[in-house]
């Protein structure tokens, strides 16, 4: 199944909902980051949370999510765009402790239960809109739920899940967000709570081959959901040799001269996609002229 997000309304406009399948997107990010299983789950959950949030934006709008807990994985950094492209990175990809008491990957342990989740939205204003909340569990889904409720004042339920193969690759990844609109009735809220309490984990739904539209129907009831649109999502990094060159120019002439004299070349690696960019002596001299 290809990766995509589906947007919908439900209960005659009382609810906004989105669901996605992101197995390939998460797998590519984890391959490039060389993450171990629990780090893969943490990175994947954060990427899907960011992708779901970005799907609510328009045009060229984008956002950056930072999960900064006190666990060994360090910072999780996500860039997600309204056009469906997302990239992500973790500070320490090689962490994967023993399974938790429920026999599952212990995401909270690697992320940490103390710290912050912050979101900076670039919606074309002079300054980005930034919101931040303390981590409530380190499980990522709960933390996005808390962010929506407290930073954006929108009662929400966020579910994100990643299943890992025995060979430590990504088997399935998916997620959803359900948001109550003003005027949602107690009957509607009770119906949603009942359904959320009985549905299998979202990653299991993806493993079973359930597409986003059917996820929303399972979460909210076939008769209650109105699908508005679907959009492909993909891992994509915005780095390029030109961008890296501009970054070198910004270091200034003295720094570039030192590169030429001491090393006769410069090499840098993008921390999102691990693409390596090399500038030879001739290219550095061209950058020096521009600087």
C-alpha atoms as a PDB file:
ATOM      1  CA  UNK A   1       0.000   0.000   0.000  1.00  0.00           C
ATOM      2  CA  UNK A   2       1.358   3.413  -0.940  1.00  0.00           C
ATOM      3  CA  UNK A   3       1.729   6.062   1.754  1.00  0.00           C
ATOM      4  CA  UNK A   4      -0.951   8.727   1.953  1.00  0.00           C
ATOM      5  CA  UNK A   5      -3.082  10.761   4.325  1.00  0.00           C
ATOM      6  CA  UNK A   6      -6.877  11.011   4.236  1.00  0.00           C
ATOM      7  CA  UNK A   7      -8.818  13.980   5.616  1.00  0.00           C
ATOM      8  CA  UNK A   8     -12.436  13.780   6.705  1.00  0.00           C
ATOM      9  CA  UNK A   9     -15.216  15.301   8.730  1.00  0.00           C
ATOM     10  CA  UNK A  10     -17.573  13.214  10.827  1.00  0.00           C
ATOM     11  CA  UNK A  11     -20.820  13.456  12.756  1.00  0.00           C
ATOM     12  CA  UNK A  12     -22.102  16.245  10.480  1.00  0.00           C
ATOM     13  CA  UNK A  13     -19.111  18.511  11.007  1.00  0.00           C
ATOM     14  CA  UNK A  14     -18.743  17.991  14.753  1.00  0.00           C
ATOM     15  CA  UNK A  15     -15.426  16.203  14.201  1.00  0.00           C
ATOM     16  CA  UNK A  16     -12.337  16.704  12.042  1.00  0.00           C
ATOM     17  CA  UNK A  17     -10.250  13.593  11.446  1.00  0.00           C
ATOM     18  CA  UNK A  18      -7.151  12.525   9.554  1.00  0.00           C
ATOM     19  CA  UNK A  19      -5.479   9.142   9.158  1.00  0.00           C
ATOM     20  CA  UNK A  20      -2.373   8.015   7.340  1.00  0.00           C
ATOM     21  CA  UNK A  21      -0.347   5.026   6.294  1.00  0.00           C
ATOM     22  CA  UNK A  22       3.342   5.947   6.404  1.00  0.00           C
ATOM     23  CA  UNK A  23       5.248   2.654   6.294  1.00  0.00           C
ATOM     24  CA  UNK A  24       7.533   3.563   3.391  1.00  0.00           C
ATOM     25  CA  UNK A  25       8.131   7.111   4.662  1.00  0.00           C
ATOM     26  CA  UNK A  26       9.146   5.929   8.130  1.00  0.00           C
ATOM     27  CA  UNK A  27      11.189   3.032   6.751  1.00  0.00           C
ATOM     28  CA  UNK A  28      13.209   5.374   4.534  1.00  0.00           C
ATOM     29  CA  UNK A  29      13.892   7.789   7.393  1.00  0.00           C
ATOM     30  CA  UNK A  30      14.967   4.949   9.677  1.00  0.00           C
ATOM     31  CA  UNK A  31      17.194   3.452   6.973  1.00  0.00           C
ATOM     32  CA  UNK A  32      18.941   6.778   6.451  1.00  0.00           C
ATOM     33  CA  UNK A  33      19.280   7.384  10.198  1.00  0.00           C
ATOM     34  CA  UNK A  34      20.376   3.786  10.858  1.00  0.00           C
ATOM     35  CA  UNK A  35      18.056   3.640  13.851  1.00  0.00           C
ATOM     36  CA  UNK A  36      17.771   0.669  16.181  1.00  0.00           C
ATOM     37  CA  UNK A  37      14.234  -0.703  16.803  1.00  0.00           C
ATOM     38  CA  UNK A  38      13.017   1.490  19.679  1.00  0.00           C
ATOM     39  CA  UNK A  39      14.595   4.589  18.151  1.00  0.00           C
ATOM     40  CA  UNK A  40      12.827   3.667  14.893  1.00  0.00           C
ATOM     41  CA  UNK A  41       9.492   3.559  16.713  1.00  0.00           C
ATOM     42  CA  UNK A  42      10.122   6.920  18.381  1.00  0.00           C
ATOM     43  CA  UNK A  43      11.264   8.618  15.164  1.00  0.00           C
ATOM     44  CA  UNK A  44       8.384   7.125  13.193  1.00  0.00           C
ATOM     45  CA  UNK A  45       5.755   8.211  15.705  1.00  0.00           C
ATOM     46  CA  UNK A  46       7.118  11.762  15.757  1.00  0.00           C
ATOM     47  CA  UNK A  47       7.282  11.911  11.950  1.00  0.00           C
ATOM     48  CA  UNK A  48       3.659  10.816  11.655  1.00  0.00           C
ATOM     49  CA  UNK A  49       2.529  13.309  14.291  1.00  0.00           C
ATOM     50  CA  UNK A  50       4.271  16.069  12.356  1.00  0.00           C
ATOM     51  CA  UNK A  51       2.885  14.849   9.034  1.00  0.00           C
ATOM     52  CA  UNK A  52      -0.683  14.798  10.377  1.00  0.00           C
ATOM     53  CA  UNK A  53      -0.273  18.347  11.710  1.00  0.00           C
ATOM     54  CA  UNK A  54       1.228  19.537   8.414  1.00  0.00           C
ATOM     55  CA  UNK A  55      -1.696  18.017   6.508  1.00  0.00           C
ATOM     56  CA  UNK A  56      -3.889  20.656   8.186  1.00  0.00           C
ATOM     57  CA  UNK A  57      -1.783  23.436   6.617  1.00  0.00           C
ATOM     58  CA  UNK A  58      -2.072  24.881   3.105  1.00  0.00           C
ATOM     59  CA  UNK A  59       0.103  25.706   0.109  1.00  0.00           C
ATOM     60  CA  UNK A  60       3.749  26.329   0.979  1.00  0.00           C
ATOM     61  CA  UNK A  61       3.166  26.246   4.739  1.00  0.00           C
ATOM     62  CA  UNK A  62       5.347  23.994   6.876  1.00  0.00           C
ATOM     63  CA  UNK A  63       6.208  23.189  10.470  1.00  0.00           C
ATOM     64  CA  UNK A  64       9.027  21.918  12.638  1.00  0.00           C
ATOM     65  CA  UNK A  65       8.452  19.590  15.594  1.00  0.00           C
ATOM     66  CA  UNK A  66      11.021  19.168  18.349  1.00  0.00           C
ATOM     67  CA  UNK A  67      10.713  16.443  20.973  1.00  0.00           C
ATOM     68  CA  UNK A  68      13.336  17.102  23.635  1.00  0.00           C
ATOM     69  CA  UNK A  69      13.123  14.598  26.460  1.00  0.00           C
ATOM     70  CA  UNK A  70      15.541  13.393  29.108  1.00  0.00           C
ATOM     71  CA  UNK A  71      15.933   9.952  27.526  1.00  0.00           C
ATOM     72  CA  UNK A  72      18.979   8.544  25.725  1.00  0.00           C
ATOM     73  CA  UNK A  73      17.700   9.220  22.202  1.00  0.00           C
ATOM     74  CA  UNK A  74      18.245  12.961  22.677  1.00  0.00           C
ATOM     75  CA  UNK A  75      16.341  15.384  20.437  1.00  0.00           C
ATOM     76  CA  UNK A  76      13.901  14.226  17.756  1.00  0.00           C
ATOM     77  CA  UNK A  77      13.595  16.841  15.015  1.00  0.00           C
ATOM     78  CA  UNK A  78      10.894  16.736  12.327  1.00  0.00           C
ATOM     79  CA  UNK A  79      10.297  19.016   9.332  1.00  0.00           C
ATOM     80  CA  UNK A  80       6.903  18.508   7.685  1.00  0.00           C
ATOM     81  CA  UNK A  81       5.338  20.381   4.766  1.00  0.00           C
ATOM     82  CA  UNK A  82       1.741  20.882   3.670  1.00  0.00           C
ATOM     83  CA  UNK A  83       2.668  19.281   0.323  1.00  0.00           C
ATOM     84  CA  UNK A  84       3.135  15.892   2.025  1.00  0.00           C
ATOM     85  CA  UNK A  85       6.925  15.767   2.343  1.00  0.00           C
ATOM     86  CA  UNK A  86       8.501  15.043   5.735  1.00  0.00           C
ATOM     87  CA  UNK A  87      12.005  14.420   7.062  1.00  0.00           C
ATOM     88  CA  UNK A  88      13.230  13.529  10.539  1.00  0.00           C
ATOM     89  CA  UNK A  89      16.355  12.932  12.577  1.00  0.00           C
ATOM     90  CA  UNK A  90      17.358  11.820  16.066  1.00  0.00           C
ATOM     91  CA  UNK A  91      20.481  12.727  18.016  1.00  0.00           C
ATOM     92  CA  UNK A  92      21.319   9.158  19.095  1.00  0.00           C
ATOM     93  CA  UNK A  93      19.845   6.523  16.743  1.00  0.00           C
ATOM     94  CA  UNK A  94      21.563   3.531  18.350  1.00  0.00           C
ATOM     95  CA  UNK A  95      19.360   3.061  21.415  1.00  0.00           C
ATOM     96  CA  UNK A  96      16.985   0.170  21.969  1.00  0.00           C
ATOM     97  CA  UNK A  97      16.475  -1.011  25.565  1.00  0.00           C
ATOM     98  CA  UNK A  98      14.644  -4.149  26.640  1.00  0.00           C
ATOM     99  CA  UNK A  99      10.911  -4.429  25.982  1.00  0.00           C
ATOM    100  CA  UNK A 100       8.622  -2.782  28.528  1.00  0.00           C
ATOM    101  CA  UNK A 101       6.351  -4.634  30.974  1.00  0.00           C
ATOM    102  CA  UNK A 102       3.714  -5.048  28.243  1.00  0.00           C
ATOM    103  CA  UNK A 103       6.252  -6.719  25.971  1.00  0.00           C
ATOM    104  CA  UNK A 104       6.437  -3.752  23.598  1.00  0.00           C
ATOM    105  CA  UNK A 105       9.167  -1.369  22.469  1.00  0.00           C
ATOM    106  CA  UNK A 106       9.798   1.040  25.334  1.00  0.00           C
ATOM    107  CA  UNK A 107       9.482   4.360  23.481  1.00  0.00           C
ATOM    108  CA  UNK A 108       8.889   6.356  26.662  1.00  0.00           C
ATOM    109  CA  UNK A 109      12.163   5.093  28.079  1.00  0.00           C
ATOM    110  CA  UNK A 110      14.258   6.227  25.092  1.00  0.00           C
ATOM    111  CA  UNK A 111      12.428   9.565  24.707  1.00  0.00           C
ATOM    112  CA  UNK A 112      12.126  10.341  28.407  1.00  0.00           C
ATOM    113  CA  UNK A 113       9.157  11.451  30.458  1.00  0.00           C
ATOM    114  CA  UNK A 114      10.483  14.904  31.278  1.00  0.00           C
ATOM    115  CA  UNK A 115      11.069  17.552  28.628  1.00  0.00           C
ATOM    116  CA  UNK A 116       9.089  19.389  25.984  1.00  0.00           C
ATOM    117  CA  UNK A 117       7.294  18.975  22.673  1.00  0.00           C
ATOM    118  CA  UNK A 118       7.379  22.173  20.642  1.00  0.00           C
ATOM    119  CA  UNK A 119       5.944  23.076  17.249  1.00  0.00           C
ATOM    120  CA  UNK A 120       6.963  26.035  15.071  1.00  0.00           C
ATOM    121  CA  UNK A 121       4.533  26.688  12.200  1.00  0.00           C
ATOM    122  CA  UNK A 122       5.670  28.739   9.214  1.00  0.00           C
ATOM    123  CA  UNK A 123       2.387  29.984   7.753  1.00  0.00           C
ATOM    124  CA  UNK A 124       3.748  32.940   5.817  1.00  0.00           C
ATOM    125  CA  UNK A 125       3.772  35.452   8.665  1.00  0.00           C
ATOM    126  CA  UNK A 126       6.833  37.489   9.640  1.00  0.00           C
ATOM    127  CA  UNK A 127       7.516  35.154  12.558  1.00  0.00           C
ATOM    128  CA  UNK A 128       6.505  31.486  12.901  1.00  0.00           C
ATOM    129  CA  UNK A 129       3.771  30.536  15.363  1.00  0.00           C
ATOM    130  CA  UNK A 130       5.430  28.546  18.143  1.00  0.00           C
ATOM    131  CA  UNK A 131       3.824  26.482  20.872  1.00  0.00           C
ATOM    132  CA  UNK A 132       5.396  24.249  23.501  1.00  0.00           C
ATOM    133  CA  UNK A 133       4.099  21.837  26.133  1.00  0.00           C
ATOM    134  CA  UNK A 134       5.764  19.556  28.674  1.00  0.00           C
ATOM    135  CA  UNK A 135       5.947  15.872  27.797  1.00  0.00           C
ATOM    136  CA  UNK A 136       3.203  13.916  29.537  1.00  0.00           C
ATOM    137  CA  UNK A 137       4.356  10.367  28.776  1.00  0.00           C
ATOM    138  CA  UNK A 138       7.147  10.261  26.199  1.00  0.00           C
ATOM    139  CA  UNK A 139       5.010   7.887  24.130  1.00  0.00           C
ATOM    140  CA  UNK A 140       4.652  10.632  21.463  1.00  0.00           C
ATOM    141  CA  UNK A 141       0.947  10.086  20.663  1.00  0.00           C
ATOM    142  CA  UNK A 142      -0.127  11.181  24.145  1.00  0.00           C
ATOM    143  CA  UNK A 143       2.233  14.140  23.898  1.00  0.00           C
ATOM    144  CA  UNK A 144       0.724  15.336  20.598  1.00  0.00           C
ATOM    145  CA  UNK A 145      -2.744  14.909  22.139  1.00  0.00           C
ATOM    146  CA  UNK A 146      -1.697  17.131  25.044  1.00  0.00           C
ATOM    147  CA  UNK A 147      -0.162  19.669  22.646  1.00  0.00           C
ATOM    148  CA  UNK A 148      -3.402  20.040  20.670  1.00  0.00           C
ATOM    149  CA  UNK A 149      -5.487  20.412  23.819  1.00  0.00           C
ATOM    150  CA  UNK A 150      -3.230  22.905  25.574  1.00  0.00           C
ATOM    151  CA  UNK A 151      -1.380  24.850  22.889  1.00  0.00           C
ATOM    152  CA  UNK A 152      -4.134  24.956  20.271  1.00  0.00           C
ATOM    153  CA  UNK A 153      -7.155  24.550  22.584  1.00  0.00           C
ATOM    154  CA  UNK A 154      -8.539  21.734  20.428  1.00  0.00           C
ATOM    155  CA  UNK A 155      -9.666  18.563  22.233  1.00  0.00           C
ATOM    156  CA  UNK A 156      -8.020  15.765  20.253  1.00  0.00           C
ATOM    157  CA  UNK A 157      -7.007  12.142  20.254  1.00  0.00           C
ATOM    158  CA  UNK A 158      -3.778  11.193  18.483  1.00  0.00           C
ATOM    159  CA  UNK A 159      -2.709   7.631  17.790  1.00  0.00           C
ATOM    160  CA  UNK A 160       0.609   6.769  16.111  1.00  0.00           C
ATOM    161  CA  UNK A 161       2.233   3.369  15.905  1.00  0.00           C
ATOM    162  CA  UNK A 162       5.198   1.579  14.315  1.00  0.00           C
ATOM    163  CA  UNK A 163       5.729  -2.178  14.053  1.00  0.00           C
ATOM    164  CA  UNK A 164       9.265  -3.500  13.566  1.00  0.00           C
ATOM    165  CA  UNK A 165      10.246  -6.673  11.693  1.00  0.00           C
ATOM    166  CA  UNK A 166      12.525  -9.315  13.295  1.00  0.00           C
ATOM    167  CA  UNK A 167      15.309  -8.011  10.999  1.00  0.00           C
ATOM    168  CA  UNK A 168      14.782  -4.553  12.581  1.00  0.00           C
ATOM    169  CA  UNK A 169      13.245  -2.942   9.477  1.00  0.00           C
ATOM    170  CA  UNK A 170       9.876  -1.176   9.575  1.00  0.00           C
ATOM    171  CA  UNK A 171       6.915  -3.512   9.041  1.00  0.00           C
ATOM    172  CA  UNK A 172       4.010  -1.077   9.395  1.00  0.00           C
ATOM    173  CA  UNK A 173       3.471   2.550  10.394  1.00  0.00           C
ATOM    174  CA  UNK A 174       0.265   4.519  10.656  1.00  0.00           C
ATOM    175  CA  UNK A 175      -1.569   7.112  12.658  1.00  0.00           C
ATOM    176  CA  UNK A 176      -4.650   9.248  13.143  1.00  0.00           C
ATOM    177  CA  UNK A 177      -5.864  12.426  14.774  1.00  0.00           C
ATOM    178  CA  UNK A 178      -9.473  13.041  15.789  1.00  0.00           C
ATOM    179  CA  UNK A 179     -10.459  16.561  16.809  1.00  0.00           C
ATOM    180  CA  UNK A 180     -13.677  17.836  18.343  1.00  0.00           C
ATOM    181  CA  UNK A 181     -15.049  20.981  16.756  1.00  0.00           C
ATOM    182  CA  UNK A 182     -16.985  23.610  18.737  1.00  0.00           C
ATOM    183  CA  UNK A 183     -20.495  22.344  19.396  1.00  0.00           C
ATOM    184  CA  UNK A 184     -19.648  18.645  19.502  1.00  0.00           C
ATOM    185  CA  UNK A 185     -22.329  16.917  21.581  1.00  0.00           C
ATOM    186  CA  UNK A 186     -21.839  14.622  24.569  1.00  0.00           C
ATOM    187  CA  UNK A 187     -23.439  11.826  22.541  1.00  0.00           C
ATOM    188  CA  UNK A 188     -20.802  12.221  19.831  1.00  0.00           C
ATOM    189  CA  UNK A 189     -17.984  12.343  22.374  1.00  0.00           C
ATOM    190  CA  UNK A 190     -19.241   9.191  24.099  1.00  0.00           C
ATOM    191  CA  UNK A 191     -19.521   7.359  20.779  1.00  0.00           C
ATOM    192  CA  UNK A 192     -15.930   8.248  19.850  1.00  0.00           C
ATOM    193  CA  UNK A 193     -14.572   7.290  23.272  1.00  0.00           C
ATOM    194  CA  UNK A 194     -16.339   3.925  23.029  1.00  0.00           C
ATOM    195  CA  UNK A 195     -14.878   3.226  19.591  1.00  0.00           C
ATOM    196  CA  UNK A 196     -11.360   4.317  20.574  1.00  0.00           C
ATOM    197  CA  UNK A 197     -11.493   1.949  23.533  1.00  0.00           C
ATOM    198  CA  UNK A 198     -12.304  -1.080  21.406  1.00  0.00           C
ATOM    199  CA  UNK A 199     -10.197  -0.631  18.256  1.00  0.00           C
ATOM    200  CA  UNK A 200      -6.834  -2.444  17.833  1.00  0.00           C
ATOM    201  CA  UNK A 201      -3.597  -0.392  17.776  1.00  0.00           C
ATOM    202  CA  UNK A 202      -3.320   1.657  14.582  1.00  0.00           C
ATOM    203  CA  UNK A 203      -0.103  -0.101  13.535  1.00  0.00           C
ATOM    204  CA  UNK A 204      -1.991  -3.416  13.602  1.00  0.00           C
ATOM    205  CA  UNK A 205      -4.641  -1.939  11.309  1.00  0.00           C
ATOM    206  CA  UNK A 206      -1.911  -0.963   8.844  1.00  0.00           C
ATOM    207  CA  UNK A 207      -0.305  -4.412   9.105  1.00  0.00           C
ATOM    208  CA  UNK A 208      -3.691  -5.909   8.212  1.00  0.00           C
ATOM    209  CA  UNK A 209      -3.760  -3.779   5.053  1.00  0.00           C
ATOM    210  CA  UNK A 210      -6.343  -1.213   6.150  1.00  0.00           C
ATOM    211  CA  UNK A 211      -6.093   2.055   4.148  1.00  0.00           C
ATOM    212  CA  UNK A 212      -6.573   5.465   5.835  1.00  0.00           C
ATOM    213  CA  UNK A 213     -10.206   5.854   4.750  1.00  0.00           C
ATOM    214  CA  UNK A 214     -11.160   2.522   6.328  1.00  0.00           C
ATOM    215  CA  UNK A 215      -9.220   3.452   9.479  1.00  0.00           C
ATOM    216  CA  UNK A 216     -11.370   6.554   9.851  1.00  0.00           C
ATOM    217  CA  UNK A 217     -14.514   4.502   9.297  1.00  0.00           C
ATOM    218  CA  UNK A 218     -13.392   1.992  11.922  1.00  0.00           C
ATOM    219  CA  UNK A 219     -12.586   4.818  14.352  1.00  0.00           C
ATOM    220  CA  UNK A 220     -15.757   6.836  13.794  1.00  0.00           C
ATOM    221  CA  UNK A 221     -18.312   4.582  12.093  1.00  0.00           C
ATOM    222  CA  UNK A 222     -18.922   4.088   8.362  1.00  0.00           C
ATOM    223  CA  UNK A 223     -22.118   6.106   8.371  1.00  0.00           C
ATOM    224  CA  UNK A 224     -20.560   9.042  10.223  1.00  0.00           C
ATOM    225  CA  UNK A 225     -17.510   9.762   8.043  1.00  0.00           C
ATOM    226  CA  UNK A 226     -17.280  12.045   5.016  1.00  0.00           C
ATOM    227  CA  UNK A 227     -13.907  11.774   3.234  1.00  0.00           C
ATOM    228  CA  UNK A 228     -12.785  15.176   1.936  1.00  0.00           C
ATOM    229  CA  UNK A 229      -9.476  14.421   0.205  1.00  0.00           C
ATOM    230  CA  UNK A 230      -6.401  12.222   0.115  1.00  0.00           C
ATOM    231  CA  UNK A 231      -2.775  13.243  -0.437  1.00  0.00           C
ATOM    232  CA  UNK A 232       0.439  11.241  -0.978  1.00  0.00           C
ATOM    233  CA  UNK A 233       3.113  11.546   1.723  1.00  0.00           C
ATOM    234  CA  UNK A 234       6.800  10.769   1.362  1.00  0.00           C
ATOM    235  CA  UNK A 235      10.187  11.103   3.042  1.00  0.00           C
ATOM    236  CA  UNK A 236      11.993  13.919   1.269  1.00  0.00           C
ATOM    237  CA  UNK A 237      14.982  15.982   2.344  1.00  0.00           C
ATOM    238  CA  UNK A 238      15.356  19.588   1.244  1.00  0.00           C
ATOM    239  CA  UNK A 239      19.147  19.529   1.317  1.00  0.00           C
ATOM    240  CA  UNK A 240      21.183  20.138  -1.860  1.00  0.00           C
ATOM    241  CA  UNK A 241      24.758  20.974  -2.819  1.00  0.00           C
ATOM    242  CA  UNK A 242      23.639  24.541  -3.523  1.00  0.00           C
ATOM    243  CA  UNK A 243      22.187  24.915  -0.025  1.00  0.00           C
ATOM    244  CA  UNK A 244      25.317  23.486   1.563  1.00  0.00           C
ATOM    245  CA  UNK A 245      27.409  25.828  -0.584  1.00  0.00           C
ATOM    246  CA  UNK A 246      25.403  28.798   0.658  1.00  0.00           C
ATOM    247  CA  UNK A 247      26.005  27.630   4.222  1.00  0.00           C
ATOM    248  CA  UNK A 248      29.754  27.538   3.561  1.00  0.00           C
ATOM    249  CA  UNK A 249      29.592  31.059   2.069  1.00  0.00           C
ATOM    250  CA  UNK A 250      27.878  32.257   5.239  1.00  0.00           C
ATOM    251  CA  UNK A 251      30.927  31.147   7.260  1.00  0.00           C
ATOM    252  CA  UNK A 252      32.890  34.019   5.722  1.00  0.00           C
ATOM    253  CA  UNK A 253      36.103  34.380   3.665  1.00  0.00           C
ATOM    254  CA  UNK A 254      38.556  33.560   6.458  1.00  0.00           C
ATOM    255  CA  UNK A 255      36.921  30.227   7.242  1.00  0.00           C
ATOM    256  CA  UNK A 256      36.810  29.266   3.558  1.00  0.00           C
ATOM    257  CA  UNK A 257      40.470  30.225   3.093  1.00  0.00           C
ATOM    258  CA  UNK A 258      41.360  27.949   6.004  1.00  0.00           C
ATOM    259  CA  UNK A 259      39.493  25.063   4.342  1.00  0.00           C
ATOM    260  CA  UNK A 260      41.439  25.609   1.111  1.00  0.00           C
ATOM    261  CA  UNK A 261      44.838  25.950   2.772  1.00  0.00           C
ATOM    262  CA  UNK A 262      44.497  23.208   5.379  1.00  0.00           C
ATOM    263  CA  UNK A 263      42.375  20.515   3.726  1.00  0.00           C
ATOM    264  CA  UNK A 264      42.036  21.594   0.062  1.00  0.00           C
ATOM    265  CA  UNK A 265      38.431  20.382   0.245  1.00  0.00           C
ATOM    266  CA  UNK A 266      35.353  20.403   2.449  1.00  0.00           C
ATOM    267  CA  UNK A 267      33.000  17.546   3.233  1.00  0.00           C
ATOM    268  CA  UNK A 268      29.733  17.701   5.109  1.00  0.00           C
ATOM    269  CA  UNK A 269      26.886  15.280   5.799  1.00  0.00           C
ATOM    270  CA  UNK A 270      23.193  16.203   6.016  1.00  0.00           C
ATOM    271  CA  UNK A 271      21.982  15.088   9.451  1.00  0.00           C
ATOM    272  CA  UNK A 272      18.485  14.345   8.066  1.00  0.00           C
ATOM    273  CA  UNK A 273      19.269  12.131   5.067  1.00  0.00           C
ATOM    274  CA  UNK A 274      22.986  11.363   5.605  1.00  0.00           C
ATOM    275  CA  UNK A 275      23.796  12.501   2.056  1.00  0.00           C
ATOM    276  CA  UNK A 276      27.494  13.443   1.834  1.00  0.00           C
ATOM    277  CA  UNK A 277      28.494  16.614  -0.023  1.00  0.00           C
ATOM    278  CA  UNK A 278      32.105  17.234  -1.048  1.00  0.00           C
ATOM    279  CA  UNK A 279      33.570  20.501  -2.344  1.00  0.00           C
ATOM    280  CA  UNK A 280      36.975  20.316  -4.039  1.00  0.00           C
ATOM    281  CA  UNK A 281      39.582  23.079  -4.054  1.00  0.00           C
ATOM    282  CA  UNK A 282      38.239  24.672  -7.242  1.00  0.00           C
ATOM    283  CA  UNK A 283      34.676  24.732  -5.896  1.00  0.00           C
ATOM    284  CA  UNK A 284      35.850  26.241  -2.611  1.00  0.00           C
ATOM    285  CA  UNK A 285      37.669  28.999  -4.491  1.00  0.00           C
ATOM    286  CA  UNK A 286      34.412  29.792  -6.328  1.00  0.00           C
ATOM    287  CA  UNK A 287      32.592  29.977  -2.997  1.00  0.00           C
ATOM    288  CA  UNK A 288      35.370  32.218  -1.662  1.00  0.00           C
ATOM    289  CA  UNK A 289      34.794  34.662  -4.516  1.00  0.00           C
ATOM    290  CA  UNK A 290      31.085  34.783  -3.677  1.00  0.00           C
ATOM    291  CA  UNK A 291      31.845  35.274   0.010  1.00  0.00           C
END
